[in-house]
PDB file of N, CA and C in Angstrom:
ATOM      1  N   UNK A   1      36.612  -3.191  16.266  1.00  0.00           N
ATOM      2  CA  UNK A   1      35.138  -3.181  15.428  1.00  0.00           C
ATOM      3  C   UNK A   1      34.183  -2.945  16.581  1.00  0.00           C
ATOM      4  N   UNK A   2      33.232  -2.410  16.424  1.00  0.00           N
ATOM      5  CA  UNK A   2      32.019  -2.486  17.529  1.00  0.00           C
ATOM      6  C   UNK A   2      31.191  -3.475  17.139  1.00  0.00           C
ATOM      7  N   UNK A   3      30.490  -4.021  18.199  1.00  0.00           N
ATOM      8  CA  UNK A   3      29.429  -5.099  18.046  1.00  0.00           C
ATOM      9  C   UNK A   3      28.143  -4.237  17.667  1.00  0.00           C
ATOM     10  N   UNK A   4      27.302  -4.733  16.799  1.00  0.00           N
ATOM     11  CA  UNK A   4      25.952  -4.404  16.559  1.00  0.00           C
ATOM     12  C   UNK A   4      25.268  -4.407  17.701  1.00  0.00           C
ATOM     13  N   UNK A   5      24.086  -3.319  17.865  1.00  0.00           N
ATOM     14  CA  UNK A   5      23.338  -3.831  18.986  1.00  0.00           C
ATOM     15  C   UNK A   5      22.282  -4.601  18.538  1.00  0.00           C
ATOM     16  N   UNK A   6      21.802  -5.519  19.503  1.00  0.00           N
ATOM     17  CA  UNK A   6      20.709  -6.378  19.380  1.00  0.00           C
ATOM     18  C   UNK A   6      19.292  -5.670  19.046  1.00  0.00           C
ATOM     19  N   UNK A   7      18.541  -6.417  18.230  1.00  0.00           N
ATOM     20  CA  UNK A   7      17.468  -5.628  18.158  1.00  0.00           C
ATOM     21  C   UNK A   7      16.454  -5.280  19.355  1.00  0.00           C
ATOM     22  N   UNK A   8      15.852  -4.218  19.142  1.00  0.00           N
ATOM     23  CA  UNK A   8      15.148  -3.945  20.495  1.00  0.00           C
ATOM     24  C   UNK A   8      14.302  -4.906  21.030  1.00  0.00           C
ATOM     25  N   UNK A   9      13.462  -5.596  20.173  1.00  0.00           N
ATOM     26  CA  UNK A   9      12.523  -6.507  20.712  1.00  0.00           C
ATOM     27  C   UNK A   9      13.069  -7.725  21.054  1.00  0.00           C
ATOM     28  N   UNK A  10      14.336  -8.054  20.976  1.00  0.00           N
ATOM     29  CA  UNK A  10      15.105  -9.253  21.357  1.00  0.00           C
ATOM     30  C   UNK A  10      15.594  -9.012  22.610  1.00  0.00           C
ATOM     31  N   UNK A  11      16.167  -7.463  22.825  1.00  0.00           N
ATOM     32  CA  UNK A  11      16.424  -7.221  24.252  1.00  0.00           C
ATOM     33  C   UNK A  11      15.449  -7.191  25.306  1.00  0.00           C
ATOM     34  N   UNK A  12      14.325  -7.014  24.765  1.00  0.00           N
ATOM     35  CA  UNK A  12      13.156  -6.833  25.555  1.00  0.00           C
ATOM     36  C   UNK A  12      12.793  -8.463  26.113  1.00  0.00           C
ATOM     37  N   UNK A  13      12.606  -9.207  24.962  1.00  0.00           N
ATOM     38  CA  UNK A  13      12.618 -10.573  25.328  1.00  0.00           C
ATOM     39  C   UNK A  13      13.439 -11.313  26.333  1.00  0.00           C
ATOM     40  N   UNK A  14      14.869 -10.914  26.097  1.00  0.00           N
ATOM     41  CA  UNK A  14      16.010 -11.429  27.163  1.00  0.00           C
ATOM     42  C   UNK A  14      15.726 -11.100  28.380  1.00  0.00           C
ATOM     43  N   UNK A  15      15.123  -9.636  28.515  1.00  0.00           N
ATOM     44  CA  UNK A  15      14.990  -9.059  29.885  1.00  0.00           C
ATOM     45  C   UNK A  15      13.773  -9.906  30.681  1.00  0.00           C
ATOM     46  N   UNK A  16      12.768  -9.989  29.776  1.00  0.00           N
ATOM     47  CA  UNK A  16      11.623 -10.551  30.322  1.00  0.00           C
ATOM     48  C   UNK A  16      11.833 -12.158  30.763  1.00  0.00           C
ATOM     49  N   UNK A  17      12.708 -12.727  29.956  1.00  0.00           N
ATOM     50  CA  UNK A  17      13.161 -14.149  30.481  1.00  0.00           C
ATOM     51  C   UNK A  17      13.760 -14.130  31.436  1.00  0.00           C
ATOM     52  N   UNK A  18      14.734 -13.350  31.439  1.00  0.00           N
ATOM     53  CA  UNK A  18      15.540 -13.316  32.765  1.00  0.00           C
ATOM     54  C   UNK A  18      14.721 -13.085  34.111  1.00  0.00           C
ATOM     55  N   UNK A  19      13.652 -12.222  33.919  1.00  0.00           N
ATOM     56  CA  UNK A  19      12.805 -12.030  35.046  1.00  0.00           C
ATOM     57  C   UNK A  19      11.958 -13.296  35.266  1.00  0.00           C
ATOM     58  N   UNK A  20      11.491 -13.825  34.320  1.00  0.00           N
ATOM     59  CA  UNK A  20      10.612 -15.017  34.499  1.00  0.00           C
ATOM     60  C   UNK A  20      11.409 -16.136  35.369  1.00  0.00           C
ATOM     61  N   UNK A  21      12.749 -16.301  34.592  1.00  0.00           N
ATOM     62  CA  UNK A  21      13.523 -17.467  35.160  1.00  0.00           C
ATOM     63  C   UNK A  21      13.915 -17.055  36.749  1.00  0.00           C
ATOM     64  N   UNK A  22      13.759 -15.771  37.092  1.00  0.00           N
ATOM     65  CA  UNK A  22      14.528 -15.738  38.342  1.00  0.00           C
ATOM     66  C   UNK A  22      13.178 -15.752  39.353  1.00  0.00           C
ATOM     67  N   UNK A  23      12.082 -16.097  38.789  1.00  0.00           N
ATOM     68  CA  UNK A  23      10.926 -16.291  39.427  1.00  0.00           C
ATOM     69  C   UNK A  23      10.169 -14.770  39.917  1.00  0.00           C
ATOM     70  N   UNK A  24      10.233 -13.921  39.130  1.00  0.00           N
ATOM     71  CA  UNK A  24       9.741 -12.496  39.436  1.00  0.00           C
ATOM     72  C   UNK A  24       8.447 -12.473  38.795  1.00  0.00           C
ATOM     73  N   UNK A  25       7.826 -11.386  39.218  1.00  0.00           N
ATOM     74  CA  UNK A  25       5.893 -11.328  38.782  1.00  0.00           C
ATOM     75  C   UNK A  25       6.269 -10.557  37.392  1.00  0.00           C
ATOM     76  N   UNK A  26       5.157 -10.998  36.739  1.00  0.00           N
ATOM     77  CA  UNK A  26       4.912 -10.331  35.187  1.00  0.00           C
ATOM     78  C   UNK A  26       4.653  -8.858  35.278  1.00  0.00           C
ATOM     79  N   UNK A  27       4.293  -8.507  36.733  1.00  0.00           N
ATOM     80  CA  UNK A  27       3.909  -7.189  37.025  1.00  0.00           C
ATOM     81  C   UNK A  27       5.119  -6.261  36.842  1.00  0.00           C
ATOM     82  N   UNK A  28       6.268  -6.805  36.729  1.00  0.00           N
ATOM     83  CA  UNK A  28       7.352  -5.915  36.642  1.00  0.00           C
ATOM     84  C   UNK A  28       7.862  -5.512  35.499  1.00  0.00           C
ATOM     85  N   UNK A  29       6.994  -5.625  34.423  1.00  0.00           N
ATOM     86  CA  UNK A  29       7.226  -5.656  33.074  1.00  0.00           C
ATOM     87  C   UNK A  29       7.448  -3.839  32.892  1.00  0.00           C
ATOM     88  N   UNK A  30       8.701  -3.523  32.127  1.00  0.00           N
ATOM     89  CA  UNK A  30       8.955  -2.103  32.384  1.00  0.00           C
ATOM     90  C   UNK A  30       8.339  -1.255  31.018  1.00  0.00           C
ATOM     91  N   UNK A  31       7.346  -1.902  30.321  1.00  0.00           N
ATOM     92  CA  UNK A  31       7.052  -1.257  29.060  1.00  0.00           C
ATOM     93  C   UNK A  31       5.620  -1.191  29.306  1.00  0.00           C
ATOM     94  N   UNK A  32       5.177   0.032  28.364  1.00  0.00           N
ATOM     95  CA  UNK A  32       3.585   0.104  28.621  1.00  0.00           C
ATOM     96  C   UNK A  32       3.104  -0.895  27.747  1.00  0.00           C
ATOM     97  N   UNK A  33       1.728  -1.482  28.561  1.00  0.00           N
ATOM     98  CA  UNK A  33       1.223  -2.917  28.530  1.00  0.00           C
ATOM     99  C   UNK A  33       0.723  -2.977  26.783  1.00  0.00           C
ATOM    100  N   UNK A  34       0.758  -2.130  26.068  1.00  0.00           N
ATOM    101  CA  UNK A  34       0.100  -2.163  24.716  1.00  0.00           C
ATOM    102  C   UNK A  34       1.161  -2.047  23.526  1.00  0.00           C
ATOM    103  N   UNK A  35       2.360  -1.902  24.156  1.00  0.00           N
ATOM    104  CA  UNK A  35       3.413  -1.803  23.130  1.00  0.00           C
ATOM    105  C   UNK A  35       3.863  -3.056  22.638  1.00  0.00           C
ATOM    106  N   UNK A  36       4.678  -3.162  21.587  1.00  0.00           N
ATOM    107  CA  UNK A  36       5.254  -4.549  20.989  1.00  0.00           C
ATOM    108  C   UNK A  36       6.300  -4.924  22.159  1.00  0.00           C
ATOM    109  N   UNK A  37       7.135  -3.983  22.557  1.00  0.00           N
ATOM    110  CA  UNK A  37       8.453  -4.502  23.321  1.00  0.00           C
ATOM    111  C   UNK A  37       7.598  -5.240  24.517  1.00  0.00           C
ATOM    112  N   UNK A  38       6.374  -4.609  25.369  1.00  0.00           N
ATOM    113  CA  UNK A  38       5.929  -5.284  26.146  1.00  0.00           C
ATOM    114  C   UNK A  38       5.437  -6.633  25.852  1.00  0.00           C
ATOM    115  N   UNK A  39       5.118  -6.687  24.714  1.00  0.00           N
ATOM    116  CA  UNK A  39       4.389  -8.091  24.042  1.00  0.00           C
ATOM    117  C   UNK A  39       5.714  -9.305  24.150  1.00  0.00           C
ATOM    118  N   UNK A  40       6.817  -8.755  23.506  1.00  0.00           N
ATOM    119  CA  UNK A  40       8.112  -9.412  23.464  1.00  0.00           C
ATOM    120  C   UNK A  40       8.715  -9.877  25.066  1.00  0.00           C
ATOM    121  N   UNK A  41       8.545  -8.750  25.975  1.00  0.00           N
ATOM    122  CA  UNK A  41       9.244  -9.090  27.280  1.00  0.00           C
ATOM    123  C   UNK A  41       8.066 -10.001  27.927  1.00  0.00           C
ATOM    124  N   UNK A  42       6.789 -10.025  27.732  1.00  0.00           N
ATOM    125  CA  UNK A  42       6.031 -11.326  28.464  1.00  0.00           C
ATOM    126  C   UNK A  42       6.156 -12.435  27.784  1.00  0.00           C
ATOM    127  N   UNK A  43       6.414 -12.350  26.475  1.00  0.00           N
ATOM    128  CA  UNK A  43       6.777 -13.807  25.810  1.00  0.00           C
ATOM    129  C   UNK A  43       7.807 -14.421  26.474  1.00  0.00           C
ATOM    130  N   UNK A  44       8.838 -13.541  26.402  1.00  0.00           N
ATOM    131  CA  UNK A  44      10.188 -13.942  27.129  1.00  0.00           C
ATOM    132  C   UNK A  44      10.129 -14.433  28.704  1.00  0.00           C
ATOM    133  N   UNK A  45       9.394 -13.522  29.310  1.00  0.00           N
ATOM    134  CA  UNK A  45       8.790 -13.974  30.742  1.00  0.00           C
ATOM    135  C   UNK A  45       8.084 -15.368  30.798  1.00  0.00           C
ATOM    136  N   UNK A  46       7.293 -15.584  30.171  1.00  0.00           N
ATOM    137  CA  UNK A  46       6.577 -17.002  29.963  1.00  0.00           C
ATOM    138  C   UNK A  46       7.456 -18.119  29.843  1.00  0.00           C
ATOM    139  N   UNK A  47       8.475 -17.897  28.655  1.00  0.00           N
ATOM    140  CA  UNK A  47       9.525 -19.115  28.471  1.00  0.00           C
ATOM    141  C   UNK A  47      10.454 -18.982  29.644  1.00  0.00           C
ATOM    142  N   UNK A  48      10.716 -17.942  30.302  1.00  0.00           N
ATOM    143  CA  UNK A  48      11.574 -18.233  31.535  1.00  0.00           C
ATOM    144  C   UNK A  48      10.935 -18.764  32.511  1.00  0.00           C
ATOM    145  N   UNK A  49       9.804 -18.468  32.878  1.00  0.00           N
ATOM    146  CA  UNK A  49       9.034 -19.078  33.920  1.00  0.00           C
ATOM    147  C   UNK A  49       8.851 -20.653  33.830  1.00  0.00           C
ATOM    148  N   UNK A  50       8.526 -20.950  32.493  1.00  0.00           N
ATOM    149  CA  UNK A  50       8.493 -22.540  32.268  1.00  0.00           C
ATOM    150  C   UNK A  50       9.624 -23.114  32.454  1.00  0.00           C
ATOM    151  N   UNK A  51      10.662 -22.455  31.816  1.00  0.00           N
ATOM    152  CA  UNK A  51      12.181 -23.254  32.185  1.00  0.00           C
ATOM    153  C   UNK A  51      12.448 -23.542  33.764  1.00  0.00           C
ATOM    154  N   UNK A  52      12.093 -22.413  34.465  1.00  0.00           N
ATOM    155  CA  UNK A  52      12.338 -22.470  35.717  1.00  0.00           C
ATOM    156  C   UNK A  52      11.390 -23.499  36.240  1.00  0.00           C
ATOM    157  N   UNK A  53      10.125 -23.665  36.031  1.00  0.00           N
ATOM    158  CA  UNK A  53       9.116 -24.748  36.625  1.00  0.00           C
ATOM    159  C   UNK A  53       9.681 -26.067  36.229  1.00  0.00           C
ATOM    160  N   UNK A  54      10.266 -26.229  34.771  1.00  0.00           N
ATOM    161  CA  UNK A  54      10.661 -27.386  34.365  1.00  0.00           C
ATOM    162  C   UNK A  54      11.996 -27.969  34.790  1.00  0.00           C
ATOM    163  N   UNK A  55      12.919 -27.068  35.398  1.00  0.00           N
ATOM    164  CA  UNK A  55      13.875 -27.409  35.919  1.00  0.00           C
ATOM    165  C   UNK A  55      15.494 -27.120  34.772  1.00  0.00           C
ATOM    166  N   UNK A  56      14.954 -26.417  33.764  1.00  0.00           N
ATOM    167  CA  UNK A  56      16.140 -26.386  32.855  1.00  0.00           C
ATOM    168  C   UNK A  56      17.083 -25.217  33.242  1.00  0.00           C
ATOM    169  N   UNK A  57      18.593 -25.866  33.390  1.00  0.00           N
ATOM    170  CA  UNK A  57      19.455 -24.732  33.624  1.00  0.00           C
ATOM    171  C   UNK A  57      19.634 -23.936  32.261  1.00  0.00           C
ATOM    172  N   UNK A  58      20.187 -22.734  32.606  1.00  0.00           N
ATOM    173  CA  UNK A  58      20.602 -21.835  31.533  1.00  0.00           C
ATOM    174  C   UNK A  58      22.050 -21.389  31.727  1.00  0.00           C
TER     175      UNK A  58
END
């Protein structure tokens, strides 16, 4: 049985989180700035950056 694909916005969030946690710039967002996926990516990036700065391990 195949796994269902995750929601597109959830995948964008996860990618942003990984980039933020790795200390990369938010300018690396691969989505158009006015799209919903860009918003989710940026939200994930911010949380990843916060976790990095607070020393939270993933």
